[in-house]
PDB file of N, CA and C in Angstrom:
ATOM      1  N   UNK A   1       0.828  -1.171   0.000  1.00  0.00           N
ATOM      2  CA  UNK A   1       0.000   0.000   0.000  1.00  0.00           C
ATOM      3  C   UNK A   1       0.879   1.243   0.000  1.00  0.00           C
ATOM      4  N   UNK A   2       0.572   2.165  -0.868  1.00  0.00           N
ATOM      5  CA  UNK A   2       1.314   3.423  -0.936  1.00  0.00           C
ATOM      6  C   UNK A   2       0.566   4.511  -0.193  1.00  0.00           C
ATOM      7  N   UNK A   3       1.315   5.277   0.498  1.00  0.00           N
ATOM      8  CA  UNK A   3       0.730   6.411   1.197  1.00  0.00           C
ATOM      9  C   UNK A   3       1.440   7.665   0.697  1.00  0.00           C
ATOM     10  N   UNK A   4       0.688   8.576   0.156  1.00  0.00           N
ATOM     11  CA  UNK A   4       1.262   9.833  -0.305  1.00  0.00           C
ATOM     12  C   UNK A   4       0.956  10.915   0.708  1.00  0.00           C
ATOM     13  N   UNK A   5       1.984  11.528   1.172  1.00  0.00           N
ATOM     14  CA  UNK A   5       1.811  12.652   2.083  1.00  0.00           C
ATOM     15  C   UNK A   5       1.842  13.920   1.259  1.00  0.00           C
ATOM     16  N   UNK A   6       0.887  14.755   1.462  1.00  0.00           N
ATOM     17  CA  UNK A   6       0.899  16.015   0.726  1.00  0.00           C
ATOM     18  C   UNK A   6       1.980  16.911   1.311  1.00  0.00           C
ATOM     19  N   UNK A   7       2.674  17.563   0.443  1.00  0.00           N
ATOM     20  CA  UNK A   7       3.750  18.435   0.868  1.00  0.00           C
ATOM     21  C   UNK A   7       3.269  19.878   0.800  1.00  0.00           C
ATOM     22  N   UNK A   8       3.623  20.635   1.788  1.00  0.00           N
ATOM     23  CA  UNK A   8       3.233  22.031   1.797  1.00  0.00           C
ATOM     24  C   UNK A   8       3.914  22.769   0.649  1.00  0.00           C
ATOM     25  N   UNK A   9       3.144  23.562  -0.047  1.00  0.00           N
ATOM     26  CA  UNK A   9       3.720  24.380  -1.101  1.00  0.00           C
ATOM     27  C   UNK A   9       4.431  25.559  -0.462  1.00  0.00           C
ATOM     28  N   UNK A  10       5.637  25.798  -0.900  1.00  0.00           N
ATOM     29  CA  UNK A  10       6.432  26.878  -0.338  1.00  0.00           C
ATOM     30  C   UNK A  10       6.311  28.121  -1.208  1.00  0.00           C
ATOM     31  N   UNK A  11       6.396  29.250  -0.575  1.00  0.00           N
ATOM     32  CA  UNK A  11       6.427  30.503  -1.321  1.00  0.00           C
ATOM     33  C   UNK A  11       7.759  30.571  -2.064  1.00  0.00           C
ATOM     34  N   UNK A  12       7.860  31.382  -3.100  1.00  0.00           N
ATOM     35  CA  UNK A  12       9.142  31.487  -3.818  1.00  0.00           C
ATOM     36  C   UNK A  12      10.312  31.835  -2.898  1.00  0.00           C
ATOM     37  N   UNK A  13      10.089  32.726  -1.936  1.00  0.00           N
ATOM     38  CA  UNK A  13      11.158  33.088  -1.002  1.00  0.00           C
ATOM     39  C   UNK A  13      11.557  31.922  -0.110  1.00  0.00           C
ATOM     40  N   UNK A  14      10.573  31.182   0.390  1.00  0.00           N
ATOM     41  CA  UNK A  14      10.856  30.025   1.240  1.00  0.00           C
ATOM     42  C   UNK A  14      11.553  28.931   0.443  1.00  0.00           C
ATOM     43  N   UNK A  15      11.175  28.783  -0.822  1.00  0.00           N
ATOM     44  CA  UNK A  15      11.808  27.787  -1.680  1.00  0.00           C
ATOM     45  C   UNK A  15      13.287  28.110  -1.884  1.00  0.00           C
ATOM     46  N   UNK A  16      13.586  29.388  -2.092  1.00  0.00           N
ATOM     47  CA  UNK A  16      14.991  29.796  -2.254  1.00  0.00           C
ATOM     48  C   UNK A  16      15.771  29.632  -0.952  1.00  0.00           C
ATOM     49  N   UNK A  17      15.141  29.895   0.188  1.00  0.00           N
ATOM     50  CA  UNK A  17      15.799  29.675   1.481  1.00  0.00           C
ATOM     51  C   UNK A  17      16.129  28.198   1.668  1.00  0.00           C
ATOM     52  N   UNK A  18      15.185  27.350   1.325  1.00  0.00           N
ATOM     53  CA  UNK A  18      15.400  25.900   1.427  1.00  0.00           C
ATOM     54  C   UNK A  18      16.536  25.465   0.515  1.00  0.00           C
ATOM     55  N   UNK A  19      16.529  26.001  -0.691  1.00  0.00           N
ATOM     56  CA  UNK A  19      17.582  25.691  -1.661  1.00  0.00           C
ATOM     57  C   UNK A  19      18.952  26.122  -1.123  1.00  0.00           C
ATOM     58  N   UNK A  20      19.001  27.328  -0.548  1.00  0.00           N
ATOM     59  CA  UNK A  20      20.254  27.822   0.032  1.00  0.00           C
ATOM     60  C   UNK A  20      20.719  26.916   1.174  1.00  0.00           C
ATOM     61  N   UNK A  21      19.784  26.476   2.015  1.00  0.00           N
ATOM     62  CA  UNK A  21      20.132  25.598   3.131  1.00  0.00           C
ATOM     63  C   UNK A  21      20.697  24.273   2.618  1.00  0.00           C
ATOM     64  N   UNK A  22      20.070  23.700   1.609  1.00  0.00           N
ATOM     65  CA  UNK A  22      20.565  22.445   1.043  1.00  0.00           C
ATOM     66  C   UNK A  22      21.957  22.634   0.436  1.00  0.00           C
ATOM     67  N   UNK A  23      22.155  23.722  -0.294  1.00  0.00           N
ATOM     68  CA  UNK A  23      23.455  23.988  -0.912  1.00  0.00           C
ATOM     69  C   UNK A  23      24.528  24.170   0.154  1.00  0.00           C
ATOM     70  N   UNK A  24      24.220  24.893   1.222  1.00  0.00           N
ATOM     71  CA  UNK A  24      25.182  25.091   2.316  1.00  0.00           C
ATOM     72  C   UNK A  24      25.526  23.756   2.969  1.00  0.00           C
ATOM     73  N   UNK A  25      24.538  22.901   3.127  1.00  0.00           N
ATOM     74  CA  UNK A  25      24.790  21.587   3.722  1.00  0.00           C
ATOM     75  C   UNK A  25      25.705  20.772   2.820  1.00  0.00           C
ATOM     76  N   UNK A  26      25.474  20.802   1.519  1.00  0.00           N
ATOM     77  CA  UNK A  26      26.329  20.061   0.590  1.00  0.00           C
ATOM     78  C   UNK A  26      27.757  20.600   0.601  1.00  0.00           C
ATOM     79  N   UNK A  27      27.900  21.885   0.829  1.00  0.00           N
ATOM     80  CA  UNK A  27      29.242  22.491   0.856  1.00  0.00           C
ATOM     81  C   UNK A  27      30.013  22.183   2.128  1.00  0.00           C
ATOM     82  N   UNK A  28      29.354  21.554   3.116  1.00  0.00           N
ATOM     83  CA  UNK A  28      30.082  21.120   4.313  1.00  0.00           C
ATOM     84  C   UNK A  28      31.153  20.105   3.932  1.00  0.00           C
ATOM     85  N   UNK A  29      30.915  19.409   2.854  1.00  0.00           N
ATOM     86  CA  UNK A  29      31.900  18.473   2.303  1.00  0.00           C
ATOM     87  C   UNK A  29      32.375  19.081   0.987  1.00  0.00           C
ATOM     88  N   UNK A  30      33.580  19.646   0.962  1.00  0.00           N
ATOM     89  CA  UNK A  30      34.047  20.379  -0.224  1.00  0.00           C
ATOM     90  C   UNK A  30      33.901  19.607  -1.540  1.00  0.00           C
ATOM     91  N   UNK A  31      34.210  18.330  -1.528  1.00  0.00           N
ATOM     92  CA  UNK A  31      34.110  17.551  -2.769  1.00  0.00           C
ATOM     93  C   UNK A  31      32.660  17.472  -3.253  1.00  0.00           C
ATOM     94  N   UNK A  32      31.733  17.314  -2.327  1.00  0.00           N
ATOM     95  CA  UNK A  32      30.316  17.269  -2.706  1.00  0.00           C
ATOM     96  C   UNK A  32      29.825  18.631  -3.189  1.00  0.00           C
ATOM     97  N   UNK A  33      30.298  19.677  -2.567  1.00  0.00           N
ATOM     98  CA  UNK A  33      29.923  21.021  -3.004  1.00  0.00           C
ATOM     99  C   UNK A  33      30.372  21.283  -4.435  1.00  0.00           C
ATOM    100  N   UNK A  34      31.604  20.875  -4.750  1.00  0.00           N
ATOM    101  CA  UNK A  34      32.122  21.029  -6.112  1.00  0.00           C
ATOM    102  C   UNK A  34      31.353  20.145  -7.081  1.00  0.00           C
ATOM    103  N   UNK A  35      31.082  18.914  -6.677  1.00  0.00           N
ATOM    104  CA  UNK A  35      30.335  17.990  -7.539  1.00  0.00           C
ATOM    105  C   UNK A  35      28.937  18.524  -7.808  1.00  0.00           C
ATOM    106  N   UNK A  36      28.316  19.124  -6.810  1.00  0.00           N
ATOM    107  CA  UNK A  36      26.975  19.681  -6.978  1.00  0.00           C
ATOM    108  C   UNK A  36      26.992  20.813  -8.007  1.00  0.00           C
ATOM    109  N   UNK A  37      28.004  21.666  -7.943  1.00  0.00           N
ATOM    110  CA  UNK A  37      28.124  22.760  -8.913  1.00  0.00           C
ATOM    111  C   UNK A  37      28.278  22.203 -10.327  1.00  0.00           C
ATOM    112  N   UNK A  38      29.047  21.129 -10.464  1.00  0.00           N
ATOM    113  CA  UNK A  38      29.231  20.499 -11.772  1.00  0.00           C
ATOM    114  C   UNK A  38      27.916  19.899 -12.271  1.00  0.00           C
ATOM    115  N   UNK A  39      27.187  19.239 -11.389  1.00  0.00           N
ATOM    116  CA  UNK A  39      25.890  18.650 -11.771  1.00  0.00           C
ATOM    117  C   UNK A  39      24.955  19.741 -12.285  1.00  0.00           C
ATOM    118  N   UNK A  40      24.865  20.841 -11.552  1.00  0.00           N
ATOM    119  CA  UNK A  40      23.984  21.939 -11.970  1.00  0.00           C
ATOM    120  C   UNK A  40      24.417  22.502 -13.325  1.00  0.00           C
ATOM    121  N   UNK A  41      25.723  22.645 -13.518  1.00  0.00           N
ATOM    122  CA  UNK A  41      26.231  23.182 -14.783  1.00  0.00           C
ATOM    123  C   UNK A  41      25.963  22.227 -15.941  1.00  0.00           C
ATOM    124  N   UNK A  42      26.224  20.937 -15.717  1.00  0.00           N
ATOM    125  CA  UNK A  42      26.029  19.946 -16.784  1.00  0.00           C
ATOM    126  C   UNK A  42      24.577  19.817 -17.200  1.00  0.00           C
ATOM    127  N   UNK A  43      23.674  19.973 -16.246  1.00  0.00           N
ATOM    128  CA  UNK A  43      22.253  19.845 -16.548  1.00  0.00           C
ATOM    129  C   UNK A  43      21.613  21.191 -16.887  1.00  0.00           C
ATOM    130  N   UNK A  44      22.450  22.208 -17.022  1.00  0.00           N
ATOM    131  CA  UNK A  44      22.007  23.583 -17.277  1.00  0.00           C
ATOM    132  C   UNK A  44      20.827  23.975 -16.382  1.00  0.00           C
ATOM    133  N   UNK A  45      20.949  23.629 -15.126  1.00  0.00           N
ATOM    134  CA  UNK A  45      19.923  23.978 -14.137  1.00  0.00           C
ATOM    135  C   UNK A  45      20.175  25.402 -13.657  1.00  0.00           C
ATOM    136  N   UNK A  46      19.141  26.180 -13.504  1.00  0.00           N
ATOM    137  CA  UNK A  46      19.334  27.555 -13.027  1.00  0.00           C
ATOM    138  C   UNK A  46      19.825  27.559 -11.585  1.00  0.00           C
ATOM    139  N   UNK A  47      20.728  28.461 -11.298  1.00  0.00           N
ATOM    140  CA  UNK A  47      21.230  28.578  -9.932  1.00  0.00           C
ATOM    141  C   UNK A  47      21.172  30.040  -9.535  1.00  0.00           C
ATOM    142  N   UNK A  48      20.295  30.490  -8.692  1.00  0.00           N
ATOM    143  CA  UNK A  48      19.324  29.710  -7.932  1.00  0.00           C
ATOM    144  C   UNK A  48      18.102  29.341  -8.784  1.00  0.00           C
ATOM    145  N   UNK A  49      17.334  28.427  -8.256  1.00  0.00           N
ATOM    146  CA  UNK A  49      16.111  28.000  -8.916  1.00  0.00           C
ATOM    147  C   UNK A  49      16.101  26.530  -9.291  1.00  0.00           C
ATOM    148  N   UNK A  50      17.201  25.830  -9.016  1.00  0.00           N
ATOM    149  CA  UNK A  50      17.283  24.416  -9.379  1.00  0.00           C
ATOM    150  C   UNK A  50      16.296  23.553  -8.611  1.00  0.00           C
ATOM    151  N   UNK A  51      15.862  24.017  -7.442  1.00  0.00           N
ATOM    152  CA  UNK A  51      14.995  23.182  -6.605  1.00  0.00           C
ATOM    153  C   UNK A  51      13.593  23.014  -7.186  1.00  0.00           C
ATOM    154  N   UNK A  52      13.273  23.732  -8.244  1.00  0.00           N
ATOM    155  CA  UNK A  52      11.979  23.519  -8.906  1.00  0.00           C
ATOM    156  C   UNK A  52      11.976  22.204  -9.680  1.00  0.00           C
ATOM    157  N   UNK A  53      13.167  21.683  -9.939  1.00  0.00           N
ATOM    158  CA  UNK A  53      13.270  20.380 -10.608  1.00  0.00           C
ATOM    159  C   UNK A  53      13.258  19.286  -9.546  1.00  0.00           C
ATOM    160  N   UNK A  54      12.248  18.462  -9.596  1.00  0.00           N
ATOM    161  CA  UNK A  54      12.040  17.451  -8.555  1.00  0.00           C
ATOM    162  C   UNK A  54      13.221  16.484  -8.449  1.00  0.00           C
ATOM    163  N   UNK A  55      13.813  16.102  -9.597  1.00  0.00           N
ATOM    164  CA  UNK A  55      14.927  15.169  -9.559  1.00  0.00           C
ATOM    165  C   UNK A  55      16.120  15.756  -8.811  1.00  0.00           C
ATOM    166  N   UNK A  56      16.420  17.019  -9.051  1.00  0.00           N
ATOM    167  CA  UNK A  56      17.536  17.661  -8.363  1.00  0.00           C
ATOM    168  C   UNK A  56      17.232  17.894  -6.887  1.00  0.00           C
ATOM    169  N   UNK A  57      16.003  18.256  -6.600  1.00  0.00           N
ATOM    170  CA  UNK A  57      15.621  18.473  -5.204  1.00  0.00           C
ATOM    171  C   UNK A  57      15.763  17.181  -4.399  1.00  0.00           C
ATOM    172  N   UNK A  58      15.278  16.090  -4.940  1.00  0.00           N
ATOM    173  CA  UNK A  58      15.368  14.814  -4.229  1.00  0.00           C
ATOM    174  C   UNK A  58      16.813  14.375  -4.032  1.00  0.00           C
ATOM    175  N   UNK A  59      17.636  14.567  -5.055  1.00  0.00           N
ATOM    176  CA  UNK A  59      19.052  14.209  -4.934  1.00  0.00           C
ATOM    177  C   UNK A  59      19.722  15.056  -3.860  1.00  0.00           C
ATOM    178  N   UNK A  60      19.466  16.360  -3.880  1.00  0.00           N
ATOM    179  CA  UNK A  60      20.067  17.254  -2.884  1.00  0.00           C
ATOM    180  C   UNK A  60      19.606  16.904  -1.473  1.00  0.00           C
ATOM    181  N   UNK A  61      18.313  16.614  -1.309  1.00  0.00           N
ATOM    182  CA  UNK A  61      17.804  16.234   0.017  1.00  0.00           C
ATOM    183  C   UNK A  61      18.448  14.939   0.501  1.00  0.00           C
ATOM    184  N   UNK A  62      18.601  13.980  -0.387  1.00  0.00           N
ATOM    185  CA  UNK A  62      19.206  12.698   0.002  1.00  0.00           C
ATOM    186  C   UNK A  62      20.658  12.870   0.414  1.00  0.00           C
ATOM    187  N   UNK A  63      21.410  13.629  -0.370  1.00  0.00           N
ATOM    188  CA  UNK A  63      22.816  13.860  -0.031  1.00  0.00           C
ATOM    189  C   UNK A  63      22.949  14.660   1.267  1.00  0.00           C
ATOM    190  N   UNK A  64      22.121  15.685   1.422  1.00  0.00           N
ATOM    191  CA  UNK A  64      22.171  16.492   2.645  1.00  0.00           C
ATOM    192  C   UNK A  64      21.804  15.646   3.859  1.00  0.00           C
ATOM    193  N   UNK A  65      20.834  14.764   3.699  1.00  0.00           N
ATOM    194  CA  UNK A  65      20.440  13.883   4.799  1.00  0.00           C
ATOM    195  C   UNK A  65      21.609  13.008   5.227  1.00  0.00           C
ATOM    196  N   UNK A  66      22.346  12.468   4.260  1.00  0.00           N
ATOM    197  CA  UNK A  66      23.516  11.639   4.587  1.00  0.00           C
ATOM    198  C   UNK A  66      24.579  12.442   5.322  1.00  0.00           C
ATOM    199  N   UNK A  67      24.819  13.654   4.854  1.00  0.00           N
ATOM    200  CA  UNK A  67      25.828  14.510   5.494  1.00  0.00           C
ATOM    201  C   UNK A  67      25.426  14.823   6.926  1.00  0.00           C
ATOM    202  N   UNK A  68      24.182  15.251   7.117  1.00  0.00           N
ATOM    203  CA  UNK A  68      23.711  15.608   8.459  1.00  0.00           C
ATOM    204  C   UNK A  68      23.672  14.398   9.390  1.00  0.00           C
ATOM    205  N   UNK A  69      23.299  13.237   8.841  1.00  0.00           N
ATOM    206  CA  UNK A  69      23.288  12.009   9.645  1.00  0.00           C
ATOM    207  C   UNK A  69      24.698  11.661  10.104  1.00  0.00           C
ATOM    208  N   UNK A  70      25.642  11.723   9.185  1.00  0.00           N
ATOM    209  CA  UNK A  70      27.034  11.414   9.511  1.00  0.00           C
ATOM    210  C   UNK A  70      27.575  12.371  10.566  1.00  0.00           C
ATOM    211  N   UNK A  71      27.266  13.647  10.422  1.00  0.00           N
ATOM    212  CA  UNK A  71      27.728  14.654  11.379  1.00  0.00           C
ATOM    213  C   UNK A  71      27.151  14.381  12.774  1.00  0.00           C
ATOM    214  N   UNK A  72      25.863  14.044  12.826  1.00  0.00           N
ATOM    215  CA  UNK A  72      25.221  13.769  14.118  1.00  0.00           C
ATOM    216  C   UNK A  72      25.773  12.491  14.748  1.00  0.00           C
ATOM    217  N   UNK A  73      26.060  11.482  13.930  1.00  0.00           N
ATOM    218  CA  UNK A  73      26.647  10.246  14.475  1.00  0.00           C
ATOM    219  C   UNK A  73      28.026  10.510  15.054  1.00  0.00           C
ATOM    220  N   UNK A  74      28.800  11.317  14.364  1.00  0.00           N
ATOM    221  CA  UNK A  74      30.142  11.654  14.865  1.00  0.00           C
ATOM    222  C   UNK A  74      30.067  12.442  16.160  1.00  0.00           C
ATOM    223  N   UNK A  75      28.940  13.141  16.355  1.00  0.00           N
ATOM    224  CA  UNK A  75      28.745  13.896  17.596  1.00  0.00           C
ATOM    225  C   UNK A  75      28.260  13.010  18.739  1.00  0.00           C
ATOM    226  N   UNK A  76      28.000  11.722  18.445  1.00  0.00           N
ATOM    227  CA  UNK A  76      27.655  10.794  19.504  1.00  0.00           C
ATOM    228  C   UNK A  76      26.237  10.242  19.487  1.00  0.00           C
ATOM    229  N   UNK A  77      25.418  10.648  18.546  1.00  0.00           N
ATOM    230  CA  UNK A  77      24.056  10.106  18.477  1.00  0.00           C
ATOM    231  C   UNK A  77      24.069   8.710  17.865  1.00  0.00           C
ATOM    232  N   UNK A  78      23.076   7.929  18.213  1.00  0.00           N
ATOM    233  CA  UNK A  78      22.925   6.623  17.573  1.00  0.00           C
ATOM    234  C   UNK A  78      22.493   6.852  16.132  1.00  0.00           C
ATOM    235  N   UNK A  79      22.617   5.829  15.311  1.00  0.00           N
ATOM    236  CA  UNK A  79      22.254   5.968  13.889  1.00  0.00           C
ATOM    237  C   UNK A  79      20.791   6.398  13.735  1.00  0.00           C
ATOM    238  N   UNK A  80      19.907   5.734  14.452  1.00  0.00           N
ATOM    239  CA  UNK A  80      18.470   6.046  14.360  1.00  0.00           C
ATOM    240  C   UNK A  80      18.190   7.490  14.767  1.00  0.00           C
ATOM    241  N   UNK A  81      18.762   7.910  15.879  1.00  0.00           N
ATOM    242  CA  UNK A  81      18.557   9.279  16.354  1.00  0.00           C
ATOM    243  C   UNK A  81      19.174  10.296  15.390  1.00  0.00           C
ATOM    244  N   UNK A  82      20.328   9.958  14.836  1.00  0.00           N
ATOM    245  CA  UNK A  82      20.995  10.847  13.886  1.00  0.00           C
ATOM    246  C   UNK A  82      20.164  11.006  12.611  1.00  0.00           C
ATOM    247  N   UNK A  83      19.625   9.892  12.120  1.00  0.00           N
ATOM    248  CA  UNK A  83      18.779   9.944  10.925  1.00  0.00           C
ATOM    249  C   UNK A  83      17.535  10.784  11.174  1.00  0.00           C
ATOM    250  N   UNK A  84      16.928  10.607  12.338  1.00  0.00           N
ATOM    251  CA  UNK A  84      15.715  11.359  12.660  1.00  0.00           C
ATOM    252  C   UNK A  84      16.020  12.847  12.794  1.00  0.00           C
ATOM    253  N   UNK A  85      17.114  13.178  13.457  1.00  0.00           N
ATOM    254  CA  UNK A  85      17.484  14.576  13.626  1.00  0.00           C
ATOM    255  C   UNK A  85      17.752  15.218  12.266  1.00  0.00           C
ATOM    256  N   UNK A  86      18.445  14.508  11.390  1.00  0.00           N
ATOM    257  CA  UNK A  86      18.729  15.037  10.053  1.00  0.00           C
ATOM    258  C   UNK A  86      17.447  15.240   9.258  1.00  0.00           C
ATOM    259  N   UNK A  87      16.528  14.284   9.339  1.00  0.00           N
ATOM    260  CA  UNK A  87      15.242  14.412   8.639  1.00  0.00           C
ATOM    261  C   UNK A  87      14.450  15.599   9.169  1.00  0.00           C
ATOM    262  N   UNK A  88      14.465  15.778  10.480  1.00  0.00           N
ATOM    263  CA  UNK A  88      13.769  16.910  11.081  1.00  0.00           C
ATOM    264  C   UNK A  88      14.376  18.236  10.619  1.00  0.00           C
ATOM    265  N   UNK A  89      15.699  18.283  10.529  1.00  0.00           N
ATOM    266  CA  UNK A  89      16.384  19.487  10.072  1.00  0.00           C
ATOM    267  C   UNK A  89      15.969  19.835   8.646  1.00  0.00           C
ATOM    268  N   UNK A  90      15.816  18.803   7.812  1.00  0.00           N
ATOM    269  CA  UNK A  90      15.438  19.016   6.410  1.00  0.00           C
ATOM    270  C   UNK A  90      13.928  19.133   6.222  1.00  0.00           C
ATOM    271  N   UNK A  91      13.174  18.880   7.262  1.00  0.00           N
ATOM    272  CA  UNK A  91      11.699  18.860   7.218  1.00  0.00           C
ATOM    273  C   UNK A  91      11.170  17.924   6.141  1.00  0.00           C
ATOM    274  N   UNK A  92      11.798  16.751   6.074  1.00  0.00           N
ATOM    275  CA  UNK A  92      11.362  15.687   5.168  1.00  0.00           C
ATOM    276  C   UNK A  92      11.104  14.468   6.043  1.00  0.00           C
ATOM    277  N   UNK A  93       9.984  13.766   5.854  1.00  0.00           N
ATOM    278  CA  UNK A  93       9.713  12.586   6.683  1.00  0.00           C
ATOM    279  C   UNK A  93      10.834  11.544   6.560  1.00  0.00           C
ATOM    280  N   UNK A  94      11.207  10.967   7.685  1.00  0.00           N
ATOM    281  CA  UNK A  94      12.278   9.980   7.716  1.00  0.00           C
ATOM    282  C   UNK A  94      11.991   8.809   6.785  1.00  0.00           C
ATOM    283  N   UNK A  95      10.764   8.333   6.766  1.00  0.00           N
ATOM    284  CA  UNK A  95      10.408   7.211   5.887  1.00  0.00           C
ATOM    285  C   UNK A  95      10.660   7.542   4.424  1.00  0.00           C
ATOM    286  N   UNK A  96      10.394   8.760   4.038  1.00  0.00           N
ATOM    287  CA  UNK A  96      10.630   9.195   2.656  1.00  0.00           C
ATOM    288  C   UNK A  96      12.109   9.114   2.317  1.00  0.00           C
ATOM    289  N   UNK A  97      12.942   9.607   3.209  1.00  0.00           N
ATOM    290  CA  UNK A  97      14.388   9.587   2.965  1.00  0.00           C
ATOM    291  C   UNK A  97      14.928   8.161   2.949  1.00  0.00           C
ATOM    292  N   UNK A  98      14.415   7.318   3.833  1.00  0.00           N
ATOM    293  CA  UNK A  98      14.868   5.927   3.834  1.00  0.00           C
ATOM    294  C   UNK A  98      14.462   5.205   2.569  1.00  0.00           C
ATOM    295  N   UNK A  99      13.251   5.474   2.085  1.00  0.00           N
ATOM    296  CA  UNK A  99      12.787   4.847   0.843  1.00  0.00           C
ATOM    297  C   UNK A  99      13.664   5.279  -0.322  1.00  0.00           C
ATOM    298  N   UNK A 100      13.996   6.544  -0.385  1.00  0.00           N
ATOM    299  CA  UNK A 100      14.887   7.025  -1.441  1.00  0.00           C
ATOM    300  C   UNK A 100      16.254   6.377  -1.347  1.00  0.00           C
ATOM    301  N   UNK A 101      16.742   6.185  -0.135  1.00  0.00           N
ATOM    302  CA  UNK A 101      18.067   5.597   0.059  1.00  0.00           C
ATOM    303  C   UNK A 101      18.116   4.156  -0.450  1.00  0.00           C
ATOM    304  N   UNK A 102      17.011   3.451  -0.335  1.00  0.00           N
ATOM    305  CA  UNK A 102      16.970   2.075  -0.838  1.00  0.00           C
ATOM    306  C   UNK A 102      17.251   2.005  -2.328  1.00  0.00           C
ATOM    307  N   UNK A 103      16.823   3.015  -3.050  1.00  0.00           N
ATOM    308  CA  UNK A 103      17.031   3.037  -4.503  1.00  0.00           C
ATOM    309  C   UNK A 103      18.507   3.146  -4.868  1.00  0.00           C
ATOM    310  N   UNK A 104      19.333   3.690  -3.951  1.00  0.00           N
ATOM    311  CA  UNK A 104      20.752   3.861  -4.221  1.00  0.00           C
ATOM    312  C   UNK A 104      21.580   2.629  -3.848  1.00  0.00           C
ATOM    313  N   UNK A 105      20.957   1.652  -3.256  1.00  0.00           N
ATOM    314  CA  UNK A 105      21.718   0.458  -2.833  1.00  0.00           C
ATOM    315  C   UNK A 105      21.894  -0.516  -3.952  1.00  0.00           C
TER     316      UNK A 105
END
């Protein structure tokens, strides 16, 4: 059974803030920050404004979730608690992020 959660529509300003937050999170790891810039350039995605593309938004959220989870684990949280804290920071349901992660395995 599939359950679709409706996502709140963000105002253009809130969408850009979210995009900036995701980009800053990706830049916590210099190699990922550089790779993200290359991805945006190769796909001729507007910067800012790339988050309107669902594929790029999902990729950025997944990568940011991994970064935040890793950072929280290094700070001493358990894996489960770290994943939940990262999901809360991104305001994306944990189940959604875990389902996306399965696709990368």
